[in-house]
Amino acid sequence: GKKFEEVPIVHVKATYNNTHIQVTTSENQSLVRTSCGTEGFKNIKKSTAVAAQTAGISAAAKAISKGVSHVRVVVKGLGPGRLSAIKGLTMGGLEVVSITDNTPIPHNGCRPRKAR
């Protein structure tokens, strides 16, 4: 069917407090954008795996209505919603072709916050 470069991309940004999911075309035009906060989870509940899965399912549903069937997944961050967001996308009916981890790693840049 499509070339791998032309498959739409799902950007999952999993922070410790929230999980953002954005579906873009291969040219980085945004199609669908959602997060645990927009799905109605407030405060501490945003940072749960259940919230990320719900966001994934709704993002998948919106993407399918836009005519997307197969996607590549790019994950950023180490939050609790990493894996469950991808699980939600597949539960929502999208075919995940590849999963890439794009978490930014410092080559010793800024000094981190003190460990508490």
Foldseek 3Di string as FASTA:
>chain_A
DDDPLQAWEWEWEAEAQWIKIWIATSVRHTQDIDILVNVPDDGRRRQALVSLLVRLLVRLLSVVVVPHAEYEYEYEYDTNNGPSSVVSVVVNHHHHDYYHYDYDDDPPDDDDDDDD
